[in-house]
Amino acid sequence: MLTTDFELKIQKEIDKDLTIKINPNADDIAGVYYQNVYIGVAVPPKEIFEEFREKYQDRLGHPYRSISQAEAIINGKLPKFKDPEVMKVMTAKL
């Protein structure tokens, strides 16, 4: 599945405010964002697979997550980011 299609899938099935952005410092990885805040979930920038593929890796040799792995992590982390107090901290101007 193209990562752009995966983005549509998580927007439809998990939360409409989720987006995927390519890392500006490393174009071989992308991140999942909730309301423009990175939630700590990295995914492949172009294509994500149903099955985990150990040899499908970024430049540093880290294996990319499968669709189910990424969804499980998103579902685990997203509730924390939906807490208004957490979002206040995450979006505070330093």
PDB file of N, CA and C in Angstrom:
ATOM      1  N   MET A   1       0.856  -1.167   0.000  1.00  0.00           N
ATOM      2  CA  MET A   1       0.000   0.000   0.000  1.00  0.00           C
ATOM      3  C   MET A   1       0.904   1.234   0.000  1.00  0.00           C
ATOM      4  N   LEU A   2       0.561   2.191  -0.817  1.00  0.00           N
ATOM      5  CA  LEU A   2       1.307   3.443  -0.799  1.00  0.00           C
ATOM      6  C   LEU A   2       1.103   4.120   0.553  1.00  0.00           C
ATOM      7  N   THR A   3       2.125   4.799   1.019  1.00  0.00           N
ATOM      8  CA  THR A   3       2.013   5.487   2.303  1.00  0.00           C
ATOM      9  C   THR A   3       0.918   6.550   2.256  1.00  0.00           C
ATOM     10  N   THR A   4       0.712   7.168   1.104  1.00  0.00           N
ATOM     11  CA  THR A   4      -0.375   8.151   0.977  1.00  0.00           C
ATOM     12  C   THR A   4      -1.742   7.485   1.175  1.00  0.00           C
ATOM     13  N   ASP A   5      -1.884   6.247   0.706  1.00  0.00           N
ATOM     14  CA  ASP A   5      -3.132   5.501   0.926  1.00  0.00           C
ATOM     15  C   ASP A   5      -3.266   5.081   2.392  1.00  0.00           C
ATOM     16  N   PHE A   6      -2.136   4.745   3.016  1.00  0.00           N
ATOM     17  CA  PHE A   6      -2.153   4.410   4.438  1.00  0.00           C
ATOM     18  C   PHE A   6      -2.599   5.624   5.255  1.00  0.00           C
ATOM     19  N   GLU A   7      -2.159   6.803   4.852  1.00  0.00           N
ATOM     20  CA  GLU A   7      -2.586   8.026   5.531  1.00  0.00           C
ATOM     21  C   GLU A   7      -4.108   8.171   5.462  1.00  0.00           C
ATOM     22  N   LEU A   8      -4.682   7.941   4.297  1.00  0.00           N
ATOM     23  CA  LEU A   8      -6.142   8.012   4.151  1.00  0.00           C
ATOM     24  C   LEU A   8      -6.832   6.963   5.018  1.00  0.00           C
ATOM     25  N   LYS A   9      -6.240   5.776   5.091  1.00  0.00           N
ATOM     26  CA  LYS A   9      -6.794   4.682   5.897  1.00  0.00           C
ATOM     27  C   LYS A   9      -6.833   5.062   7.380  1.00  0.00           C
ATOM     28  N   ILE A  10      -5.732   5.593   7.903  1.00  0.00           N
ATOM     29  CA  ILE A  10      -5.726   5.933   9.332  1.00  0.00           C
ATOM     30  C   ILE A  10      -6.608   7.149   9.616  1.00  0.00           C
ATOM     31  N   GLN A  11      -6.735   8.039   8.643  1.00  0.00           N
ATOM     32  CA  GLN A  11      -7.649   9.177   8.817  1.00  0.00           C
ATOM     33  C   GLN A  11      -9.095   8.692   8.887  1.00  0.00           C
ATOM     34  N   LYS A  12      -9.423   7.707   8.076  1.00  0.00           N
ATOM     35  CA  LYS A  12     -10.789   7.177   8.042  1.00  0.00           C
ATOM     36  C   LYS A  12     -11.075   6.271   9.241  1.00  0.00           C
ATOM     37  N   GLU A  13     -10.126   5.405   9.575  1.00  0.00           N
ATOM     38  CA  GLU A  13     -10.375   4.370  10.579  1.00  0.00           C
ATOM     39  C   GLU A  13      -9.963   4.747  12.000  1.00  0.00           C
ATOM     40  N   ILE A  14      -9.031   5.695  12.140  1.00  0.00           N
ATOM     41  CA  ILE A  14      -8.541   6.028  13.482  1.00  0.00           C
ATOM     42  C   ILE A  14      -8.903   7.460  13.867  1.00  0.00           C
ATOM     43  N   ASP A  15      -8.427   8.441  13.103  1.00  0.00           N
ATOM     44  CA  ASP A  15      -8.730   9.840  13.419  1.00  0.00           C
ATOM     45  C   ASP A  15      -8.455  10.722  12.210  1.00  0.00           C
ATOM     46  N   LYS A  16      -9.386  11.602  11.908  1.00  0.00           N
ATOM     47  CA  LYS A  16      -9.268  12.466  10.724  1.00  0.00           C
ATOM     48  C   LYS A  16      -8.120  13.466  10.831  1.00  0.00           C
ATOM     49  N   ASP A  17      -7.628  13.722  12.040  1.00  0.00           N
ATOM     50  CA  ASP A  17      -6.556  14.696  12.237  1.00  0.00           C
ATOM     51  C   ASP A  17      -5.155  14.092  12.147  1.00  0.00           C
ATOM     52  N   LEU A  18      -5.050  12.838  11.734  1.00  0.00           N
ATOM     53  CA  LEU A  18      -3.740  12.209  11.548  1.00  0.00           C
ATOM     54  C   LEU A  18      -3.216  12.509  10.148  1.00  0.00           C
ATOM     55  N   THR A  19      -1.936  12.803  10.066  1.00  0.00           N
ATOM     56  CA  THR A  19      -1.278  13.005   8.776  1.00  0.00           C
ATOM     57  C   THR A  19       0.074  12.315   8.807  1.00  0.00           C
ATOM     58  N   ILE A  20       0.636  12.127   7.633  1.00  0.00           N
ATOM     59  CA  ILE A  20       1.973  11.553   7.515  1.00  0.00           C
ATOM     60  C   ILE A  20       2.830  12.542   6.750  1.00  0.00           C
ATOM     61  N   LYS A  21       4.003  12.835   7.316  1.00  0.00           N
ATOM     62  CA  LYS A  21       4.932  13.772   6.687  1.00  0.00           C
ATOM     63  C   LYS A  21       6.308  13.136   6.589  1.00  0.00           C
ATOM     64  N   ILE A  22       6.960  13.359   5.465  1.00  0.00           N
ATOM     65  CA  ILE A  22       8.328  12.873   5.302  1.00  0.00           C
ATOM     66  C   ILE A  22       9.241  13.704   6.194  1.00  0.00           C
ATOM     67  N   ASN A  23      10.169  13.032   6.850  1.00  0.00           N
ATOM     68  CA  ASN A  23      11.120  13.702   7.727  1.00  0.00           C
ATOM     69  C   ASN A  23      11.977  14.654   6.893  1.00  0.00           C
ATOM     70  N   PRO A  24      12.024  15.938   7.237  1.00  0.00           N
ATOM     71  CA  PRO A  24      12.799  16.888   6.433  1.00  0.00           C
ATOM     72  C   PRO A  24      14.307  16.665   6.510  1.00  0.00           C
ATOM     73  N   ASN A  25      14.758  15.922   7.519  1.00  0.00           N
ATOM     74  CA  ASN A  25      16.189  15.656   7.680  1.00  0.00           C
ATOM     75  C   ASN A  25      16.610  14.281   7.182  1.00  0.00           C
ATOM     76  N   ALA A  26      15.651  13.432   6.900  1.00  0.00           N
ATOM     77  CA  ALA A  26      15.945  12.070   6.443  1.00  0.00           C
ATOM     78  C   ALA A  26      14.773  11.598   5.595  1.00  0.00           C
ATOM     79  N   ASP A  27      14.900  11.734   4.282  1.00  0.00           N
ATOM     80  CA  ASP A  27      13.759  11.446   3.402  1.00  0.00           C
ATOM     81  C   ASP A  27      13.439   9.962   3.250  1.00  0.00           C
ATOM     82  N   ASP A  28      14.172   9.106   3.969  1.00  0.00           N
ATOM     83  CA  ASP A  28      13.873   7.675   3.923  1.00  0.00           C
ATOM     84  C   ASP A  28      12.938   7.243   5.049  1.00  0.00           C
ATOM     85  N   ILE A  29      12.462   8.200   5.841  1.00  0.00           N
ATOM     86  CA  ILE A  29      11.466   7.895   6.870  1.00  0.00           C
ATOM     87  C   ILE A  29      10.393   8.985   6.886  1.00  0.00           C
ATOM     88  N   ALA A  30       9.229   8.605   7.346  1.00  0.00           N
ATOM     89  CA  ALA A  30       8.125   9.551   7.502  1.00  0.00           C
ATOM     90  C   ALA A  30       7.571   9.379   8.909  1.00  0.00           C
ATOM     91  N   GLY A  31       6.841  10.368   9.357  1.00  0.00           N
ATOM     92  CA  GLY A  31       6.280  10.320  10.693  1.00  0.00           C
ATOM     93  C   GLY A  31       4.786  10.548  10.681  1.00  0.00           C
ATOM     94  N   VAL A  32       4.122   9.992  11.686  1.00  0.00           N
ATOM     95  CA  VAL A  32       2.686  10.194  11.854  1.00  0.00           C
ATOM     96  C   VAL A  32       2.491  11.368  12.810  1.00  0.00           C
ATOM     97  N   TYR A  33       1.611  12.281  12.404  1.00  0.00           N
ATOM     98  CA  TYR A  33       1.342  13.495  13.165  1.00  0.00           C
ATOM     99  C   TYR A  33      -0.138  13.570  13.532  1.00  0.00           C
ATOM    100  N   TYR A  34      -0.385  14.107  14.719  1.00  0.00           N
ATOM    101  CA  TYR A  34      -1.749  14.408  15.149  1.00  0.00           C
ATOM    102  C   TYR A  34      -1.826  15.916  15.334  1.00  0.00           C
ATOM    103  N   GLN A  35      -2.668  16.559  14.564  1.00  0.00           N
ATOM    104  CA  GLN A  35      -2.796  18.020  14.600  1.00  0.00           C
ATOM    105  C   GLN A  35      -1.423  18.696  14.516  1.00  0.00           C
ATOM    106  N   ASN A  36      -0.611  18.231  13.581  1.00  0.00           N
ATOM    107  CA  ASN A  36       0.727  18.770  13.311  1.00  0.00           C
ATOM    108  C   ASN A  36       1.749  18.532  14.414  1.00  0.00           C
ATOM    109  N   VAL A  37       1.476  17.608  15.337  1.00  0.00           N
ATOM    110  CA  VAL A  37       2.428  17.231  16.378  1.00  0.00           C
ATOM    111  C   VAL A  37       2.847  15.790  16.116  1.00  0.00           C
ATOM    112  N   TYR A  38       4.157  15.554  15.996  1.00  0.00           N
ATOM    113  CA  TYR A  38       4.672  14.206  15.767  1.00  0.00           C
ATOM    114  C   TYR A  38       4.370  13.342  16.982  1.00  0.00           C
ATOM    115  N   ILE A  39       3.751  12.193  16.756  1.00  0.00           N
ATOM    116  CA  ILE A  39       3.352  11.341  17.883  1.00  0.00           C
ATOM    117  C   ILE A  39       4.307  10.175  18.123  1.00  0.00           C
ATOM    118  N   GLY A  40       5.464  10.201  17.484  1.00  0.00           N
ATOM    119  CA  GLY A  40       6.478   9.188  17.760  1.00  0.00           C
ATOM    120  C   GLY A  40       6.280   7.883  17.021  1.00  0.00           C
ATOM    121  N   VAL A  41       5.652   7.945  15.856  1.00  0.00           N
ATOM    122  CA  VAL A  41       5.439   6.741  15.049  1.00  0.00           C
ATOM    123  C   VAL A  41       6.065   6.970  13.680  1.00  0.00           C
ATOM    124  N   ALA A  42       7.126   6.232  13.398  1.00  0.00           N
ATOM    125  CA  ALA A  42       7.790   6.335  12.097  1.00  0.00           C
ATOM    126  C   ALA A  42       7.242   5.266  11.157  1.00  0.00           C
ATOM    127  N   VAL A  43       7.099   5.642   9.900  1.00  0.00           N
ATOM    128  CA  VAL A  43       6.626   4.723   8.861  1.00  0.00           C
ATOM    129  C   VAL A  43       7.463   4.951   7.606  1.00  0.00           C
ATOM    130  N   PRO A  44       7.423   4.004   6.665  1.00  0.00           N
ATOM    131  CA  PRO A  44       8.154   4.221   5.417  1.00  0.00           C
ATOM    132  C   PRO A  44       7.544   5.374   4.621  1.00  0.00           C
ATOM    133  N   PRO A  45       8.361   6.113   3.885  1.00  0.00           N
ATOM    134  CA  PRO A  45       7.853   7.291   3.182  1.00  0.00           C
ATOM    135  C   PRO A  45       7.050   7.000   1.920  1.00  0.00           C
ATOM    136  N   LYS A  46       7.256   5.834   1.312  1.00  0.00           N
ATOM    137  CA  LYS A  46       6.610   5.577   0.021  1.00  0.00           C
ATOM    138  C   LYS A  46       5.600   4.442   0.049  1.00  0.00           C
ATOM    139  N   GLU A  47       5.973   3.327   0.651  1.00  0.00           N
ATOM    140  CA  GLU A  47       5.105   2.147   0.623  1.00  0.00           C
ATOM    141  C   GLU A  47       5.206   1.401   1.944  1.00  0.00           C
ATOM    142  N   ILE A  48       4.051   0.972   2.457  1.00  0.00           N
ATOM    143  CA  ILE A  48       3.981   0.212   3.702  1.00  0.00           C
ATOM    144  C   ILE A  48       3.255  -1.096   3.397  1.00  0.00           C
ATOM    145  N   PHE A  49       3.761  -2.193   3.949  1.00  0.00           N
ATOM    146  CA  PHE A  49       3.243  -3.515   3.601  1.00  0.00           C
ATOM    147  C   PHE A  49       2.400  -4.118   4.717  1.00  0.00           C
ATOM    148  N   GLU A  50       1.507  -5.024   4.323  1.00  0.00           N
ATOM    149  CA  GLU A  50       0.677  -5.757   5.285  1.00  0.00           C
ATOM    150  C   GLU A  50       1.552  -6.608   6.211  1.00  0.00           C
ATOM    151  N   GLU A  51       2.526  -7.279   5.628  1.00  0.00           N
ATOM    152  CA  GLU A  51       3.383  -8.177   6.395  1.00  0.00           C
ATOM    153  C   GLU A  51       4.693  -7.469   6.723  1.00  0.00           C
ATOM    154  N   PHE A  52       5.231  -7.757   7.907  1.00  0.00           N
ATOM    155  CA  PHE A  52       6.537  -7.237   8.291  1.00  0.00           C
ATOM    156  C   PHE A  52       7.598  -7.858   7.388  1.00  0.00           C
ATOM    157  N   ARG A  53       8.493  -7.041   6.875  1.00  0.00           N
ATOM    158  CA  ARG A  53       9.595  -7.503   6.026  1.00  0.00           C
ATOM    159  C   ARG A  53      10.900  -7.030   6.656  1.00  0.00           C
ATOM    160  N   GLU A  54      11.598  -7.961   7.263  1.00  0.00           N
ATOM    161  CA  GLU A  54      12.813  -7.620   8.005  1.00  0.00           C
ATOM    162  C   GLU A  54      13.845  -6.894   7.141  1.00  0.00           C
ATOM    163  N   LYS A  55      13.915  -7.235   5.875  1.00  0.00           N
ATOM    164  CA  LYS A  55      14.920  -6.628   4.997  1.00  0.00           C
ATOM    165  C   LYS A  55      14.456  -5.308   4.373  1.00  0.00           C
ATOM    166  N   TYR A  56      13.232  -4.894   4.615  1.00  0.00           N
ATOM    167  CA  TYR A  56      12.712  -3.609   4.138  1.00  0.00           C
ATOM    168  C   TYR A  56      13.053  -2.580   5.212  1.00  0.00           C
ATOM    169  N   GLN A  57      14.131  -1.810   4.970  1.00  0.00           N
ATOM    170  CA  GLN A  57      14.716  -0.978   6.014  1.00  0.00           C
ATOM    171  C   GLN A  57      15.016   0.437   5.536  1.00  0.00           C
ATOM    172  N   ASP A  58      15.205   1.324   6.524  1.00  0.00           N
ATOM    173  CA  ASP A  58      15.674   2.672   6.202  1.00  0.00           C
ATOM    174  C   ASP A  58      17.196   2.630   6.010  1.00  0.00           C
ATOM    175  N   ARG A  59      17.797   3.779   5.738  1.00  0.00           N
ATOM    176  CA  ARG A  59      19.244   3.837   5.466  1.00  0.00           C
ATOM    177  C   ARG A  59      20.106   3.368   6.625  1.00  0.00           C
ATOM    178  N   LEU A  60      19.591   3.496   7.842  1.00  0.00           N
ATOM    179  CA  LEU A  60      20.363   3.086   9.010  1.00  0.00           C
ATOM    180  C   LEU A  60      20.180   1.609   9.352  1.00  0.00           C
ATOM    181  N   GLY A  61      19.367   0.920   8.584  1.00  0.00           N
ATOM    182  CA  GLY A  61      19.150  -0.499   8.814  1.00  0.00           C
ATOM    183  C   GLY A  61      18.008  -0.829   9.756  1.00  0.00           C
ATOM    184  N   HIS A  62      17.208   0.162  10.105  1.00  0.00           N
ATOM    185  CA  HIS A  62      16.040  -0.099  10.953  1.00  0.00           C
ATOM    186  C   HIS A  62      14.900  -0.610  10.080  1.00  0.00           C
ATOM    187  N   PRO A  63      14.342  -1.766  10.412  1.00  0.00           N
ATOM    188  CA  PRO A  63      13.226  -2.282   9.611  1.00  0.00           C
ATOM    189  C   PRO A  63      12.003  -1.367   9.707  1.00  0.00           C
ATOM    190  N   TYR A  64      11.347  -1.191   8.572  1.00  0.00           N
ATOM    191  CA  TYR A  64      10.099  -0.429   8.557  1.00  0.00           C
ATOM    192  C   TYR A  64       8.990  -1.256   9.189  1.00  0.00           C
ATOM    193  N   ARG A  65       8.024  -0.585   9.751  1.00  0.00           N
ATOM    194  CA  ARG A  65       6.875  -1.260  10.350  1.00  0.00           C
ATOM    195  C   ARG A  65       5.893  -1.716   9.276  1.00  0.00           C
ATOM    196  N   SER A  66       5.137  -2.745   9.619  1.00  0.00           N
ATOM    197  CA  SER A  66       4.034  -3.180   8.760  1.00  0.00           C
ATOM    198  C   SER A  66       2.814  -2.314   9.083  1.00  0.00           C
ATOM    199  N   ILE A  67       1.771  -2.476   8.295  1.00  0.00           N
ATOM    200  CA  ILE A  67       0.536  -1.727   8.534  1.00  0.00           C
ATOM    201  C   ILE A  67      -0.006  -2.005   9.934  1.00  0.00           C
ATOM    202  N   SER A  68      -0.106  -3.273  10.303  1.00  0.00           N
ATOM    203  CA  SER A  68      -0.681  -3.600  11.618  1.00  0.00           C
ATOM    204  C   SER A  68       0.207  -3.111  12.759  1.00  0.00           C
ATOM    205  N   GLN A  69       1.522  -3.165  12.588  1.00  0.00           N
ATOM    206  CA  GLN A  69       2.420  -2.658  13.627  1.00  0.00           C
ATOM    207  C   GLN A  69       2.232  -1.152  13.806  1.00  0.00           C
ATOM    208  N   ALA A  70       2.198  -0.429  12.696  1.00  0.00           N
ATOM    209  CA  ALA A  70       2.032   1.029  12.762  1.00  0.00           C
ATOM    210  C   ALA A  70       0.685   1.390  13.385  1.00  0.00           C
ATOM    211  N   GLU A  71      -0.376   0.706  12.972  1.00  0.00           N
ATOM    212  CA  GLU A  71      -1.703   0.999  13.525  1.00  0.00           C
ATOM    213  C   GLU A  71      -1.751   0.729  15.027  1.00  0.00           C
ATOM    214  N   ALA A  72      -1.116  -0.346  15.469  1.00  0.00           N
ATOM    215  CA  ALA A  72      -1.114  -0.675  16.895  1.00  0.00           C
ATOM    216  C   ALA A  72      -0.396   0.408  17.700  1.00  0.00           C
ATOM    217  N   ILE A  73       0.714   0.899  17.181  1.00  0.00           N
ATOM    218  CA  ILE A  73       1.455   1.945  17.891  1.00  0.00           C
ATOM    219  C   ILE A  73       0.659   3.252  17.886  1.00  0.00           C
ATOM    220  N   ILE A  74       0.064   3.589  16.750  1.00  0.00           N
ATOM    221  CA  ILE A  74      -0.770   4.798  16.675  1.00  0.00           C
ATOM    222  C   ILE A  74      -1.903   4.712  17.696  1.00  0.00           C
ATOM    223  N   ASN A  75      -2.603   3.584  17.717  1.00  0.00           N
ATOM    224  CA  ASN A  75      -3.721   3.412  18.656  1.00  0.00           C
ATOM    225  C   ASN A  75      -3.260   3.460  20.110  1.00  0.00           C
ATOM    226  N   GLY A  76      -2.029   3.021  20.364  1.00  0.00           N
ATOM    227  CA  GLY A  76      -1.494   3.068  21.722  1.00  0.00           C
ATOM    228  C   GLY A  76      -1.086   4.467  22.154  1.00  0.00           C
ATOM    229  N   LYS A  77      -0.548   5.250  21.227  1.00  0.00           N
ATOM    230  CA  LYS A  77      -0.032   6.578  21.572  1.00  0.00           C
ATOM    231  C   LYS A  77      -1.060   7.698  21.433  1.00  0.00           C
ATOM    232  N   LEU A  78      -1.971   7.566  20.502  1.00  0.00           N
ATOM    233  CA  LEU A  78      -2.889   8.662  20.198  1.00  0.00           C
ATOM    234  C   LEU A  78      -3.704   9.150  21.399  1.00  0.00           C
ATOM    235  N   PRO A  79      -4.219   8.272  22.261  1.00  0.00           N
ATOM    236  CA  PRO A  79      -5.003   8.780  23.398  1.00  0.00           C
ATOM    237  C   PRO A  79      -4.232   9.781  24.263  1.00  0.00           C
ATOM    238  N   LYS A  80      -2.934   9.586  24.410  1.00  0.00           N
ATOM    239  CA  LYS A  80      -2.137  10.533  25.196  1.00  0.00           C
ATOM    240  C   LYS A  80      -2.135  11.906  24.540  1.00  0.00           C
ATOM    241  N   PHE A  81      -2.024  11.926  23.217  1.00  0.00           N
ATOM    242  CA  PHE A  81      -1.959  13.194  22.498  1.00  0.00           C
ATOM    243  C   PHE A  81      -3.321  13.882  22.411  1.00  0.00           C
ATOM    244  N   LYS A  82      -4.375  13.146  22.610  1.00  0.00           N
ATOM    245  CA  LYS A  82      -5.710  13.751  22.608  1.00  0.00           C
ATOM    246  C   LYS A  82      -6.026  14.446  23.930  1.00  0.00           C
ATOM    247  N   ASP A  83      -5.192  14.232  24.926  1.00  0.00           N
ATOM    248  CA  ASP A  83      -5.355  14.906  26.212  1.00  0.00           C
ATOM    249  C   ASP A  83      -4.993  16.382  26.020  1.00  0.00           C
ATOM    250  N   PRO A  84      -5.921  17.299  26.305  1.00  0.00           N
ATOM    251  CA  PRO A  84      -5.650  18.729  26.092  1.00  0.00           C
ATOM    252  C   PRO A  84      -4.405  19.237  26.823  1.00  0.00           C
ATOM    253  N   GLU A  85      -4.121  18.696  27.995  1.00  0.00           N
ATOM    254  CA  GLU A  85      -2.933  19.131  28.742  1.00  0.00           C
ATOM    255  C   GLU A  85      -1.650  18.703  28.032  1.00  0.00           C
ATOM    256  N   VAL A  86      -1.652  17.515  27.476  1.00  0.00           N
ATOM    257  CA  VAL A  86      -0.484  17.043  26.723  1.00  0.00           C
ATOM    258  C   VAL A  86      -0.296  17.905  25.481  1.00  0.00           C
ATOM    259  N   MET A  87      -1.375  18.188  24.769  1.00  0.00           N
ATOM    260  CA  MET A  87      -1.271  19.011  23.561  1.00  0.00           C
ATOM    261  C   MET A  87      -0.808  20.426  23.898  1.00  0.00           C
ATOM    262  N   LYS A  88      -1.201  20.926  25.052  1.00  0.00           N
ATOM    263  CA  LYS A  88      -0.750  22.254  25.463  1.00  0.00           C
ATOM    264  C   LYS A  88       0.776  22.263  25.609  1.00  0.00           C
ATOM    265  N   VAL A  89       1.313  21.219  26.215  1.00  0.00           N
ATOM    266  CA  VAL A  89       2.765  21.108  26.381  1.00  0.00           C
ATOM    267  C   VAL A  89       3.447  20.910  25.030  1.00  0.00           C
ATOM    268  N   MET A  90       2.890  20.043  24.203  1.00  0.00           N
ATOM    269  CA  MET A  90       3.516  19.714  22.917  1.00  0.00           C
ATOM    270  C   MET A  90       3.496  20.884  21.937  1.00  0.00           C
ATOM    271  N   THR A  91       2.567  21.794  22.095  1.00  0.00           N
ATOM    272  CA  THR A  91       2.463  22.918  21.160  1.00  0.00           C
ATOM    273  C   THR A  91       2.918  24.241  21.774  1.00  0.00           C
ATOM    274  N   ALA A  92       3.447  24.196  22.993  1.00  0.00           N
ATOM    275  CA  ALA A  92       3.900  25.424  23.661  1.00  0.00           C
ATOM    276  C   ALA A  92       5.085  26.030  22.923  1.00  0.00           C
ATOM    277  N   LYS A  93       5.095  27.328  22.837  1.00  0.00           N
ATOM    278  CA  LYS A  93       6.219  28.052  22.242  1.00  0.00           C
ATOM    279  C   LYS A  93       7.309  28.175  23.296  1.00  0.00           C
ATOM    280  N   LEU A  94       8.509  27.781  22.922  1.00  0.00           N
ATOM    281  CA  LEU A  94       9.632  27.853  23.877  1.00  0.00           C
ATOM    282  C   LEU A  94      10.367  29.159  23.764  1.00  0.00           C
TER     283      LEU A  94
END
